[in-house]
Amino acid sequence: HKLGLITDEEVENTKVQDYVIKAWI
């Protein structure tokens, strides 16, 4: 989140792990 790879909304979402995985890929 600090690096801007996920949004504020995504960090608060229950699927945040999926968003992080996808963002790094």
mmCIF file of all heavy atoms, coordinates in Angstrom:
data_MODEL
# 
_entry.id   MODEL 
# 
loop_
_atom_site.group_PDB 
_atom_site.id 
_atom_site.type_symbol 
_atom_site.label_atom_id 
_atom_site.label_alt_id 
_atom_site.label_comp_id 
_atom_site.label_asym_id 
_atom_site.label_entity_id 
_atom_site.label_seq_id 
_atom_site.pdbx_PDB_ins_code 
_atom_site.Cartn_x 
_atom_site.Cartn_y 
_atom_site.Cartn_z 
_atom_site.occupancy 
_atom_site.B_iso_or_equiv 
_atom_site.pdbx_formal_charge 
_atom_site.auth_seq_id 
_atom_site.auth_comp_id 
_atom_site.auth_asym_id 
_atom_site.auth_atom_id 
_atom_site.pdbx_PDB_model_num 
ATOM 1   N N   . HIS A 1 1  ? 0.830   -1.200  0.000   1.00 0.00 ? 1  HIS A N   1 
ATOM 2   C CA  . HIS A 1 1  ? 0.000   0.000   0.000   1.00 0.00 ? 1  HIS A CA  1 
ATOM 3   C C   . HIS A 1 1  ? 0.870   1.257   0.000   1.00 0.00 ? 1  HIS A C   1 
ATOM 4   O O   . HIS A 1 1  ? 0.620   2.197   -0.751  1.00 0.00 ? 1  HIS A O   1 
ATOM 5   C CB  . HIS A 1 1  ? -0.935  -0.022  1.218   1.00 0.00 ? 1  HIS A CB  1 
ATOM 6   C CG  . HIS A 1 1  ? -1.845  1.142   1.282   1.00 0.00 ? 1  HIS A CG  1 
ATOM 7   N ND1 . HIS A 1 1  ? -1.709  2.133   2.229   1.00 0.00 ? 1  HIS A ND1 1 
ATOM 8   C CD2 . HIS A 1 1  ? -2.910  1.490   0.517   1.00 0.00 ? 1  HIS A CD2 1 
ATOM 9   C CE1 . HIS A 1 1  ? -2.650  3.035   2.051   1.00 0.00 ? 1  HIS A CE1 1 
ATOM 10  N NE2 . HIS A 1 1  ? -3.392  2.675   1.013   1.00 0.00 ? 1  HIS A NE2 1 
ATOM 11  N N   . LYS A 1 2  ? 1.905   1.263   0.823   1.00 0.00 ? 2  LYS A N   1 
ATOM 12  C CA  . LYS A 1 2  ? 2.812   2.418   0.900   1.00 0.00 ? 2  LYS A CA  1 
ATOM 13  C C   . LYS A 1 2  ? 3.450   2.706   -0.459  1.00 0.00 ? 2  LYS A C   1 
ATOM 14  O O   . LYS A 1 2  ? 3.643   3.861   -0.829  1.00 0.00 ? 2  LYS A O   1 
ATOM 15  C CB  . LYS A 1 2  ? 3.896   2.137   1.940   1.00 0.00 ? 2  LYS A CB  1 
ATOM 16  C CG  . LYS A 1 2  ? 4.951   3.180   2.055   1.00 0.00 ? 2  LYS A CG  1 
ATOM 17  C CD  . LYS A 1 2  ? 4.694   4.056   3.224   1.00 0.00 ? 2  LYS A CD  1 
ATOM 18  C CE  . LYS A 1 2  ? 5.862   4.996   3.467   1.00 0.00 ? 2  LYS A CE  1 
ATOM 19  N NZ  . LYS A 1 2  ? 5.440   6.177   4.166   1.00 0.00 ? 2  LYS A NZ  1 
ATOM 20  N N   . LEU A 1 3  ? 3.741   1.659   -1.223  1.00 0.00 ? 3  LEU A N   1 
ATOM 21  C CA  . LEU A 1 3  ? 4.334   1.816   -2.552  1.00 0.00 ? 3  LEU A CA  1 
ATOM 22  C C   . LEU A 1 3  ? 3.310   2.194   -3.619  1.00 0.00 ? 3  LEU A C   1 
ATOM 23  O O   . LEU A 1 3  ? 3.668   2.447   -4.759  1.00 0.00 ? 3  LEU A O   1 
ATOM 24  C CB  . LEU A 1 3  ? 5.056   0.530   -2.963  1.00 0.00 ? 3  LEU A CB  1 
ATOM 25  C CG  . LEU A 1 3  ? 6.322   0.223   -2.163  1.00 0.00 ? 3  LEU A CG  1 
ATOM 26  C CD1 . LEU A 1 3  ? 6.808   -1.193  -2.456  1.00 0.00 ? 3  LEU A CD1 1 
ATOM 27  C CD2 . LEU A 1 3  ? 7.401   1.255   -2.465  1.00 0.00 ? 3  LEU A CD2 1 
ATOM 28  N N   . GLY A 1 4  ? 2.037   2.220   -3.245  1.00 0.00 ? 4  GLY A N   1 
ATOM 29  C CA  . GLY A 1 4  ? 0.990   2.614   -4.182  1.00 0.00 ? 4  GLY A CA  1 
ATOM 30  C C   . GLY A 1 4  ? 0.548   1.511   -5.134  1.00 0.00 ? 4  GLY A C   1 
ATOM 31  O O   . GLY A 1 4  ? -0.103  1.788   -6.138  1.00 0.00 ? 4  GLY A O   1 
ATOM 32  N N   . LEU A 1 5  ? 0.859   0.280   -4.793  1.00 0.00 ? 5  LEU A N   1 
ATOM 33  C CA  . LEU A 1 5  ? 0.463   -0.834  -5.662  1.00 0.00 ? 5  LEU A CA  1 
ATOM 34  C C   . LEU A 1 5  ? -0.968  -1.299  -5.408  1.00 0.00 ? 5  LEU A C   1 
ATOM 35  O O   . LEU A 1 5  ? -1.541  -1.997  -6.243  1.00 0.00 ? 5  LEU A O   1 
ATOM 36  C CB  . LEU A 1 5  ? 1.437   -2.008  -5.509  1.00 0.00 ? 5  LEU A CB  1 
ATOM 37  C CG  . LEU A 1 5  ? 2.871   -1.718  -5.946  1.00 0.00 ? 5  LEU A CG  1 
ATOM 38  C CD1 . LEU A 1 5  ? 3.754   -2.927  -5.688  1.00 0.00 ? 5  LEU A CD1 1 
ATOM 39  C CD2 . LEU A 1 5  ? 2.926   -1.335  -7.420  1.00 0.00 ? 5  LEU A CD2 1 
ATOM 40  N N   . ILE A 1 6  ? -1.511  -0.944  -4.251  1.00 0.00 ? 6  ILE A N   1 
ATOM 41  C CA  . ILE A 1 6  ? -2.930  -1.190  -3.972  1.00 0.00 ? 6  ILE A CA  1 
ATOM 42  C C   . ILE A 1 6  ? -3.531  0.098   -3.417  1.00 0.00 ? 6  ILE A C   1 
ATOM 43  O O   . ILE A 1 6  ? -2.826  0.923   -2.841  1.00 0.00 ? 6  ILE A O   1 
ATOM 44  C CB  . ILE A 1 6  ? -3.172  -2.382  -3.011  1.00 0.00 ? 6  ILE A CB  1 
ATOM 45  C CG1 . ILE A 1 6  ? -2.481  -2.166  -1.670  1.00 0.00 ? 6  ILE A CG1 1 
ATOM 46  C CG2 . ILE A 1 6  ? -2.759  -3.697  -3.652  1.00 0.00 ? 6  ILE A CG2 1 
ATOM 47  C CD1 . ILE A 1 6  ? -2.829  -3.209  -0.616  1.00 0.00 ? 6  ILE A CD1 1 
ATOM 48  N N   . THR A 1 7  ? -4.825  0.242   -3.600  1.00 0.00 ? 7  THR A N   1 
ATOM 49  C CA  . THR A 1 7  ? -5.526  1.463   -3.197  1.00 0.00 ? 7  THR A CA  1 
ATOM 50  C C   . THR A 1 7  ? -5.968  1.402   -1.736  1.00 0.00 ? 7  THR A C   1 
ATOM 51  O O   . THR A 1 7  ? -5.931  0.336   -1.103  1.00 0.00 ? 7  THR A O   1 
ATOM 52  C CB  . THR A 1 7  ? -6.783  1.667   -4.066  1.00 0.00 ? 7  THR A CB  1 
ATOM 53  O OG1 . THR A 1 7  ? -7.705  0.600   -3.786  1.00 0.00 ? 7  THR A OG1 1 
ATOM 54  C CG2 . THR A 1 7  ? -6.438  1.697   -5.553  1.00 0.00 ? 7  THR A CG2 1 
ATOM 55  N N   . ASP A 1 8  ? -6.437  2.542   -1.231  1.00 0.00 ? 8  ASP A N   1 
ATOM 56  C CA  . ASP A 1 8  ? -6.996  2.596   0.123   1.00 0.00 ? 8  ASP A CA  1 
ATOM 57  C C   . ASP A 1 8  ? -8.179  1.638   0.245   1.00 0.00 ? 8  ASP A C   1 
ATOM 58  O O   . ASP A 1 8  ? -8.333  0.960   1.259   1.00 0.00 ? 8  ASP A O   1 
ATOM 59  C CB  . ASP A 1 8  ? -7.460  4.012   0.468   1.00 0.00 ? 8  ASP A CB  1 
ATOM 60  C CG  . ASP A 1 8  ? -6.315  5.007   0.583   1.00 0.00 ? 8  ASP A CG  1 
ATOM 61  O OD1 . ASP A 1 8  ? -5.150  4.569   0.739   1.00 0.00 ? 8  ASP A OD1 1 
ATOM 62  O OD2 . ASP A 1 8  ? -6.588  6.222   0.523   1.00 0.00 ? 8  ASP A OD2 1 
ATOM 63  N N   . GLU A 1 9  ? -9.001  1.597   -0.785  1.00 0.00 ? 9  GLU A N   1 
ATOM 64  C CA  . GLU A 1 9  ? -10.178 0.726   -0.767  1.00 0.00 ? 9  GLU A CA  1 
ATOM 65  C C   . GLU A 1 9  ? -9.764  -0.749  -0.749  1.00 0.00 ? 9  GLU A C   1 
ATOM 66  O O   . GLU A 1 9  ? -10.354 -1.561  -0.038  1.00 0.00 ? 9  GLU A O   1 
ATOM 67  C CB  . GLU A 1 9  ? -11.084 0.991   -1.982  1.00 0.00 ? 9  GLU A CB  1 
ATOM 68  C CG  . GLU A 1 9  ? -11.744 2.356   -1.987  1.00 0.00 ? 9  GLU A CG  1 
ATOM 69  C CD  . GLU A 1 9  ? -10.806 3.485   -2.428  1.00 0.00 ? 9  GLU A CD  1 
ATOM 70  O OE1 . GLU A 1 9  ? -9.817  3.231   -3.160  1.00 0.00 ? 9  GLU A OE1 1 
ATOM 71  O OE2 . GLU A 1 9  ? -11.059 4.631   -2.020  1.00 0.00 ? 9  GLU A OE2 1 
ATOM 72  N N   . GLU A 1 10 ? -8.744  -1.090  -1.519  1.00 0.00 ? 10 GLU A N   1 
ATOM 73  C CA  . GLU A 1 10 ? -8.298  -2.483  -1.570  1.00 0.00 ? 10 GLU A CA  1 
ATOM 74  C C   . GLU A 1 10 ? -7.684  -2.921  -0.247  1.00 0.00 ? 10 GLU A C   1 
ATOM 75  O O   . GLU A 1 10 ? -7.895  -4.054  0.193   1.00 0.00 ? 10 GLU A O   1 
ATOM 76  C CB  . GLU A 1 10 ? -7.290  -2.668  -2.711  1.00 0.00 ? 10 GLU A CB  1 
ATOM 77  C CG  . GLU A 1 10 ? -7.942  -2.598  -4.075  1.00 0.00 ? 10 GLU A CG  1 
ATOM 78  C CD  . GLU A 1 10 ? -6.954  -2.547  -5.223  1.00 0.00 ? 10 GLU A CD  1 
ATOM 79  O OE1 . GLU A 1 10 ? -5.826  -2.017  -5.039  1.00 0.00 ? 10 GLU A OE1 1 
ATOM 80  O OE2 . GLU A 1 10 ? -7.306  -3.030  -6.310  1.00 0.00 ? 10 GLU A OE2 1 
ATOM 81  N N   . VAL A 1 11 ? -6.950  -2.017  0.415   1.00 0.00 ? 11 VAL A N   1 
ATOM 82  C CA  . VAL A 1 11 ? -6.324  -2.377  1.684   1.00 0.00 ? 11 VAL A CA  1 
ATOM 83  C C   . VAL A 1 11 ? -7.371  -2.647  2.768   1.00 0.00 ? 11 VAL A C   1 
ATOM 84  O O   . VAL A 1 11 ? -7.124  -3.417  3.694   1.00 0.00 ? 11 VAL A O   1 
ATOM 85  C CB  . VAL A 1 11 ? -5.293  -1.304  2.119   1.00 0.00 ? 11 VAL A CB  1 
ATOM 86  C CG1 . VAL A 1 11 ? -5.902  -0.221  2.963   1.00 0.00 ? 11 VAL A CG1 1 
ATOM 87  C CG2 . VAL A 1 11 ? -4.122  -1.926  2.823   1.00 0.00 ? 11 VAL A CG2 1 
ATOM 88  N N   . GLU A 1 12 ? -8.540  -2.060  2.640   1.00 0.00 ? 12 GLU A N   1 
ATOM 89  C CA  . GLU A 1 12 ? -9.626  -2.264  3.612   1.00 0.00 ? 12 GLU A CA  1 
ATOM 90  C C   . GLU A 1 12 ? -10.543 -3.424  3.240   1.00 0.00 ? 12 GLU A C   1 
ATOM 91  O O   . GLU A 1 12 ? -11.399 -3.822  4.026   1.00 0.00 ? 12 GLU A O   1 
ATOM 92  C CB  . GLU A 1 12 ? -10.459 -0.983  3.746   1.00 0.00 ? 12 GLU A CB  1 
ATOM 93  C CG  . GLU A 1 12 ? -9.676  0.195   4.294   1.00 0.00 ? 12 GLU A CG  1 
ATOM 94  C CD  . GLU A 1 12 ? -9.193  -0.031  5.710   1.00 0.00 ? 12 GLU A CD  1 
ATOM 95  O OE1 . GLU A 1 12 ? -9.880  -0.726  6.492   1.00 0.00 ? 12 GLU A OE1 1 
ATOM 96  O OE2 . GLU A 1 12 ? -8.113  0.486   6.042   1.00 0.00 ? 12 GLU A OE2 1 
ATOM 97  N N   . ASN A 1 13 ? -10.381 -3.986  2.067   1.00 0.00 ? 13 ASN A N   1 
ATOM 98  C CA  . ASN A 1 13 ? -11.248 -5.045  1.559   1.00 0.00 ? 13 ASN A CA  1 
ATOM 99  C C   . ASN A 1 13 ? -10.838 -6.405  2.140   1.00 0.00 ? 13 ASN A C   1 
ATOM 100 O O   . ASN A 1 13 ? -9.665  -6.641  2.395   1.00 0.00 ? 13 ASN A O   1 
ATOM 101 C CB  . ASN A 1 13 ? -11.166 -5.073  0.029   1.00 0.00 ? 13 ASN A CB  1 
ATOM 102 C CG  . ASN A 1 13 ? -12.247 -5.899  -0.606  1.00 0.00 ? 13 ASN A CG  1 
ATOM 103 O OD1 . ASN A 1 13 ? -12.280 -7.111  -0.454  1.00 0.00 ? 13 ASN A OD1 1 
ATOM 104 N ND2 . ASN A 1 13 ? -13.131 -5.233  -1.330  1.00 0.00 ? 13 ASN A ND2 1 
ATOM 105 N N   . THR A 1 14 ? -11.805 -7.287  2.314   1.00 0.00 ? 14 THR A N   1 
ATOM 106 C CA  . THR A 1 14 ? -11.514 -8.621  2.832   1.00 0.00 ? 14 THR A CA  1 
ATOM 107 C C   . THR A 1 14 ? -10.672 -9.445  1.854   1.00 0.00 ? 14 THR A C   1 
ATOM 108 O O   . THR A 1 14 ? -10.070 -10.432 2.256   1.00 0.00 ? 14 THR A O   1 
ATOM 109 C CB  . THR A 1 14 ? -12.812 -9.399  3.144   1.00 0.00 ? 14 THR A CB  1 
ATOM 110 O OG1 . THR A 1 14 ? -13.596 -9.490  1.956   1.00 0.00 ? 14 THR A OG1 1 
ATOM 111 C CG2 . THR A 1 14 ? -13.593 -8.733  4.256   1.00 0.00 ? 14 THR A CG2 1 
ATOM 112 N N   . LYS A 1 15 ? -10.605 -9.029  0.611   1.00 0.00 ? 15 LYS A N   1 
ATOM 113 C CA  . LYS A 1 15 ? -9.800  -9.736  -0.389  1.00 0.00 ? 15 LYS A CA  1 
ATOM 114 C C   . LYS A 1 15 ? -8.434  -9.069  -0.582  1.00 0.00 ? 15 LYS A C   1 
ATOM 115 O O   . LYS A 1 15 ? -7.805  -9.226  -1.620  1.00 0.00 ? 15 LYS A O   1 
ATOM 116 C CB  . LYS A 1 15 ? -10.537 -9.790  -1.719  1.00 0.00 ? 15 LYS A CB  1 
ATOM 117 C CG  . LYS A 1 15 ? -11.793 -10.624 -1.672  1.00 0.00 ? 15 LYS A CG  1 
ATOM 118 C CD  . LYS A 1 15 ? -12.430 -10.719 -3.031  1.00 0.00 ? 15 LYS A CD  1 
ATOM 119 C CE  . LYS A 1 15 ? -13.671 -11.596 -2.937  1.00 0.00 ? 15 LYS A CE  1 
ATOM 120 N NZ  . LYS A 1 15 ? -14.217 -11.891 -4.243  1.00 0.00 ? 15 LYS A NZ  1 
ATOM 121 N N   . VAL A 1 16 ? -7.959  -8.363  0.431   1.00 0.00 ? 16 VAL A N   1 
ATOM 122 C CA  . VAL A 1 16 ? -6.711  -7.610  0.309   1.00 0.00 ? 16 VAL A CA  1 
ATOM 123 C C   . VAL A 1 16 ? -5.538  -8.512  -0.065  1.00 0.00 ? 16 VAL A C   1 
ATOM 124 O O   . VAL A 1 16 ? -4.673  -8.122  -0.844  1.00 0.00 ? 16 VAL A O   1 
ATOM 125 C CB  . VAL A 1 16 ? -6.412  -6.788  1.582   1.00 0.00 ? 16 VAL A CB  1 
ATOM 126 C CG1 . VAL A 1 16 ? -6.151  -7.677  2.783   1.00 0.00 ? 16 VAL A CG1 1 
ATOM 127 C CG2 . VAL A 1 16 ? -5.264  -5.836  1.334   1.00 0.00 ? 16 VAL A CG2 1 
ATOM 128 N N   . GLN A 1 17 ? -5.498  -9.737  0.456   1.00 0.00 ? 17 GLN A N   1 
ATOM 129 C CA  . GLN A 1 17 ? -4.402  -10.645 0.106   1.00 0.00 ? 17 GLN A CA  1 
ATOM 130 C C   . GLN A 1 17 ? -4.372  -10.908 -1.398  1.00 0.00 ? 17 GLN A C   1 
ATOM 131 O O   . GLN A 1 17 ? -3.304  -10.911 -2.003  1.00 0.00 ? 17 GLN A O   1 
ATOM 132 C CB  . GLN A 1 17 ? -4.520  -11.966 0.858   1.00 0.00 ? 17 GLN A CB  1 
ATOM 133 C CG  . GLN A 1 17 ? -4.211  -11.843 2.335   1.00 0.00 ? 17 GLN A CG  1 
ATOM 134 C CD  . GLN A 1 17 ? -4.313  -13.175 3.029   1.00 0.00 ? 17 GLN A CD  1 
ATOM 135 O OE1 . GLN A 1 17 ? -5.298  -13.899 2.877   1.00 0.00 ? 17 GLN A OE1 1 
ATOM 136 N NE2 . GLN A 1 17 ? -3.297  -13.506 3.805   1.00 0.00 ? 17 GLN A NE2 1 
ATOM 137 N N   . ASP A 1 18 ? -5.526  -11.110 -1.976  1.00 0.00 ? 18 ASP A N   1 
ATOM 138 C CA  . ASP A 1 18 ? -5.599  -11.344 -3.420  1.00 0.00 ? 18 ASP A CA  1 
ATOM 139 C C   . ASP A 1 18 ? -5.123  -10.123 -4.201  1.00 0.00 ? 18 ASP A C   1 
ATOM 140 O O   . ASP A 1 18 ? -4.431  -10.255 -5.210  1.00 0.00 ? 18 ASP A O   1 
ATOM 141 C CB  . ASP A 1 18 ? -7.025  -11.699 -3.841  1.00 0.00 ? 18 ASP A CB  1 
ATOM 142 C CG  . ASP A 1 18 ? -7.503  -13.011 -3.256  1.00 0.00 ? 18 ASP A CG  1 
ATOM 143 O OD1 . ASP A 1 18 ? -6.668  -13.913 -3.046  1.00 0.00 ? 18 ASP A OD1 1 
ATOM 144 O OD2 . ASP A 1 18 ? -8.710  -13.137 -3.006  1.00 0.00 ? 18 ASP A OD2 1 
ATOM 145 N N   . TYR A 1 19 ? -5.491  -8.948  -3.742  1.00 0.00 ? 19 TYR A N   1 
ATOM 146 C CA  . TYR A 1 19 ? -5.067  -7.714  -4.414  1.00 0.00 ? 19 TYR A CA  1 
ATOM 147 C C   . TYR A 1 19 ? -3.544  -7.547  -4.353  1.00 0.00 ? 19 TYR A C   1 
ATOM 148 O O   . TYR A 1 19 ? -2.917  -7.130  -5.319  1.00 0.00 ? 19 TYR A O   1 
ATOM 149 C CB  . TYR A 1 19 ? -5.746  -6.488  -3.804  1.00 0.00 ? 19 TYR A CB  1 
ATOM 150 C CG  . TYR A 1 19 ? -7.243  -6.446  -3.992  1.00 0.00 ? 19 TYR A CG  1 
ATOM 151 C CD1 . TYR A 1 19 ? -8.079  -6.164  -2.931  1.00 0.00 ? 19 TYR A CD1 1 
ATOM 152 C CD2 . TYR A 1 19 ? -7.822  -6.694  -5.236  1.00 0.00 ? 19 TYR A CD2 1 
ATOM 153 C CE1 . TYR A 1 19 ? -9.461  -6.126  -3.094  1.00 0.00 ? 19 TYR A CE1 1 
ATOM 154 C CE2 . TYR A 1 19 ? -9.189  -6.656  -5.405  1.00 0.00 ? 19 TYR A CE2 1 
ATOM 155 C CZ  . TYR A 1 19 ? -10.004 -6.373  -4.329  1.00 0.00 ? 19 TYR A CZ  1 
ATOM 156 O OH  . TYR A 1 19 ? -11.359 -6.336  -4.500  1.00 0.00 ? 19 TYR A OH  1 
ATOM 157 N N   . VAL A 1 20 ? -2.978  -7.858  -3.208  1.00 0.00 ? 20 VAL A N   1 
ATOM 158 C CA  . VAL A 1 20 ? -1.517  -7.735  -3.040  1.00 0.00 ? 20 VAL A CA  1 
ATOM 159 C C   . VAL A 1 20 ? -0.796  -8.726  -3.951  1.00 0.00 ? 20 VAL A C   1 
ATOM 160 O O   . VAL A 1 20 ? 0.150   -8.358  -4.650  1.00 0.00 ? 20 VAL A O   1 
ATOM 161 C CB  . VAL A 1 20 ? -1.117  -7.941  -1.563  1.00 0.00 ? 20 VAL A CB  1 
ATOM 162 C CG1 . VAL A 1 20 ? 0.391   -8.087  -1.419  1.00 0.00 ? 20 VAL A CG1 1 
ATOM 163 C CG2 . VAL A 1 20 ? -1.637  -6.797  -0.713  1.00 0.00 ? 20 VAL A CG2 1 
ATOM 164 N N   . ILE A 1 21 ? -1.252  -9.955  -3.964  1.00 0.00 ? 21 ILE A N   1 
ATOM 165 C CA  . ILE A 1 21 ? -0.639  -10.982 -4.811  1.00 0.00 ? 21 ILE A CA  1 
ATOM 166 C C   . ILE A 1 21 ? -0.683  -10.544 -6.273  1.00 0.00 ? 21 ILE A C   1 
ATOM 167 O O   . ILE A 1 21 ? 0.325   -10.580 -6.980  1.00 0.00 ? 21 ILE A O   1 
ATOM 168 C CB  . ILE A 1 21 ? -1.344  -12.337 -4.607  1.00 0.00 ? 21 ILE A CB  1 
ATOM 169 C CG1 . ILE A 1 21 ? -1.032  -12.876 -3.216  1.00 0.00 ? 21 ILE A CG1 1 
ATOM 170 C CG2 . ILE A 1 21 ? -0.948  -13.328 -5.697  1.00 0.00 ? 21 ILE A CG2 1 
ATOM 171 C CD1 . ILE A 1 21 ? -1.940  -14.000 -2.766  1.00 0.00 ? 21 ILE A CD1 1 
ATOM 172 N N   . LYS A 1 22 ? -1.850  -10.116 -6.715  1.00 0.00 ? 22 LYS A N   1 
ATOM 173 C CA  . LYS A 1 22 ? -2.015  -9.688  -8.109  1.00 0.00 ? 22 LYS A CA  1 
ATOM 174 C C   . LYS A 1 22 ? -1.149  -8.464  -8.420  1.00 0.00 ? 22 LYS A C   1 
ATOM 175 O O   . LYS A 1 22 ? -0.533  -8.382  -9.484  1.00 0.00 ? 22 LYS A O   1 
ATOM 176 C CB  . LYS A 1 22 ? -3.486  -9.384  -8.390  1.00 0.00 ? 22 LYS A CB  1 
ATOM 177 C CG  . LYS A 1 22 ? -3.758  -9.019  -9.821  1.00 0.00 ? 22 LYS A CG  1 
ATOM 178 C CD  . LYS A 1 22 ? -5.224  -8.756  -10.067 1.00 0.00 ? 22 LYS A CD  1 
ATOM 179 C CE  . LYS A 1 22 ? -5.443  -8.317  -11.505 1.00 0.00 ? 22 LYS A CE  1 
ATOM 180 N NZ  . LYS A 1 22 ? -6.820  -7.976  -11.784 1.00 0.00 ? 22 LYS A NZ  1 
ATOM 181 N N   . ALA A 1 23 ? -1.082  -7.517  -7.489  1.00 0.00 ? 23 ALA A N   1 
ATOM 182 C CA  . ALA A 1 23 ? -0.308  -6.298  -7.708  1.00 0.00 ? 23 ALA A CA  1 
ATOM 183 C C   . ALA A 1 23 ? 1.169   -6.613  -7.922  1.00 0.00 ? 23 ALA A C   1 
ATOM 184 O O   . ALA A 1 23 ? 1.810   -6.045  -8.813  1.00 0.00 ? 23 ALA A O   1 
ATOM 185 C CB  . ALA A 1 23 ? -0.478  -5.346  -6.518  1.00 0.00 ? 23 ALA A CB  1 
ATOM 186 N N   . TRP A 1 24 ? 1.718   -7.524  -7.137  1.00 0.00 ? 24 TRP A N   1 
ATOM 187 C CA  . TRP A 1 24 ? 3.131   -7.871  -7.282  1.00 0.00 ? 24 TRP A CA  1 
ATOM 188 C C   . TRP A 1 24 ? 3.390   -8.670  -8.550  1.00 0.00 ? 24 TRP A C   1 
ATOM 189 O O   . TRP A 1 24 ? 4.417   -8.474  -9.204  1.00 0.00 ? 24 TRP A O   1 
ATOM 190 C CB  . TRP A 1 24 ? 3.654   -8.582  -6.036  1.00 0.00 ? 24 TRP A CB  1 
ATOM 191 C CG  . TRP A 1 24 ? 3.922   -7.580  -4.969  1.00 0.00 ? 24 TRP A CG  1 
ATOM 192 C CD1 . TRP A 1 24 ? 3.172   -7.319  -3.860  1.00 0.00 ? 24 TRP A CD1 1 
ATOM 193 C CD2 . TRP A 1 24 ? 4.990   -6.641  -4.959  1.00 0.00 ? 24 TRP A CD2 1 
ATOM 194 N NE1 . TRP A 1 24 ? 3.720   -6.279  -3.163  1.00 0.00 ? 24 TRP A NE1 1 
ATOM 195 C CE2 . TRP A 1 24 ? 4.838   -5.842  -3.808  1.00 0.00 ? 24 TRP A CE2 1 
ATOM 196 C CE3 . TRP A 1 24 ? 6.074   -6.391  -5.803  1.00 0.00 ? 24 TRP A CE3 1 
ATOM 197 C CZ2 . TRP A 1 24 ? 5.721   -4.816  -3.481  1.00 0.00 ? 24 TRP A CZ2 1 
ATOM 198 C CZ3 . TRP A 1 24 ? 6.953   -5.368  -5.481  1.00 0.00 ? 24 TRP A CZ3 1 
ATOM 199 C CH2 . TRP A 1 24 ? 6.779   -4.597  -4.337  1.00 0.00 ? 24 TRP A CH2 1 
ATOM 200 N N   . ILE A 1 25 ? 2.480   -9.534  -8.907  1.00 0.00 ? 25 ILE A N   1 
ATOM 201 C CA  . ILE A 1 25 ? 2.632   -10.280 -10.165 1.00 0.00 ? 25 ILE A CA  1 
ATOM 202 C C   . ILE A 1 25 ? 2.661   -9.303  -11.329 1.00 0.00 ? 25 ILE A C   1 
ATOM 203 O O   . ILE A 1 25 ? 3.519   -9.371  -12.212 1.00 0.00 ? 25 ILE A O   1 
ATOM 204 C CB  . ILE A 1 25 ? 1.503   -11.323 -10.328 1.00 0.00 ? 25 ILE A CB  1 
ATOM 205 C CG1 . ILE A 1 25 ? 1.691   -12.457 -9.320  1.00 0.00 ? 25 ILE A CG1 1 
ATOM 206 C CG2 . ILE A 1 25 ? 1.459   -11.858 -11.762 1.00 0.00 ? 25 ILE A CG2 1 
ATOM 207 C CD1 . ILE A 1 25 ? 0.510   -13.390 -9.211  1.00 0.00 ? 25 ILE A CD1 1 
# 
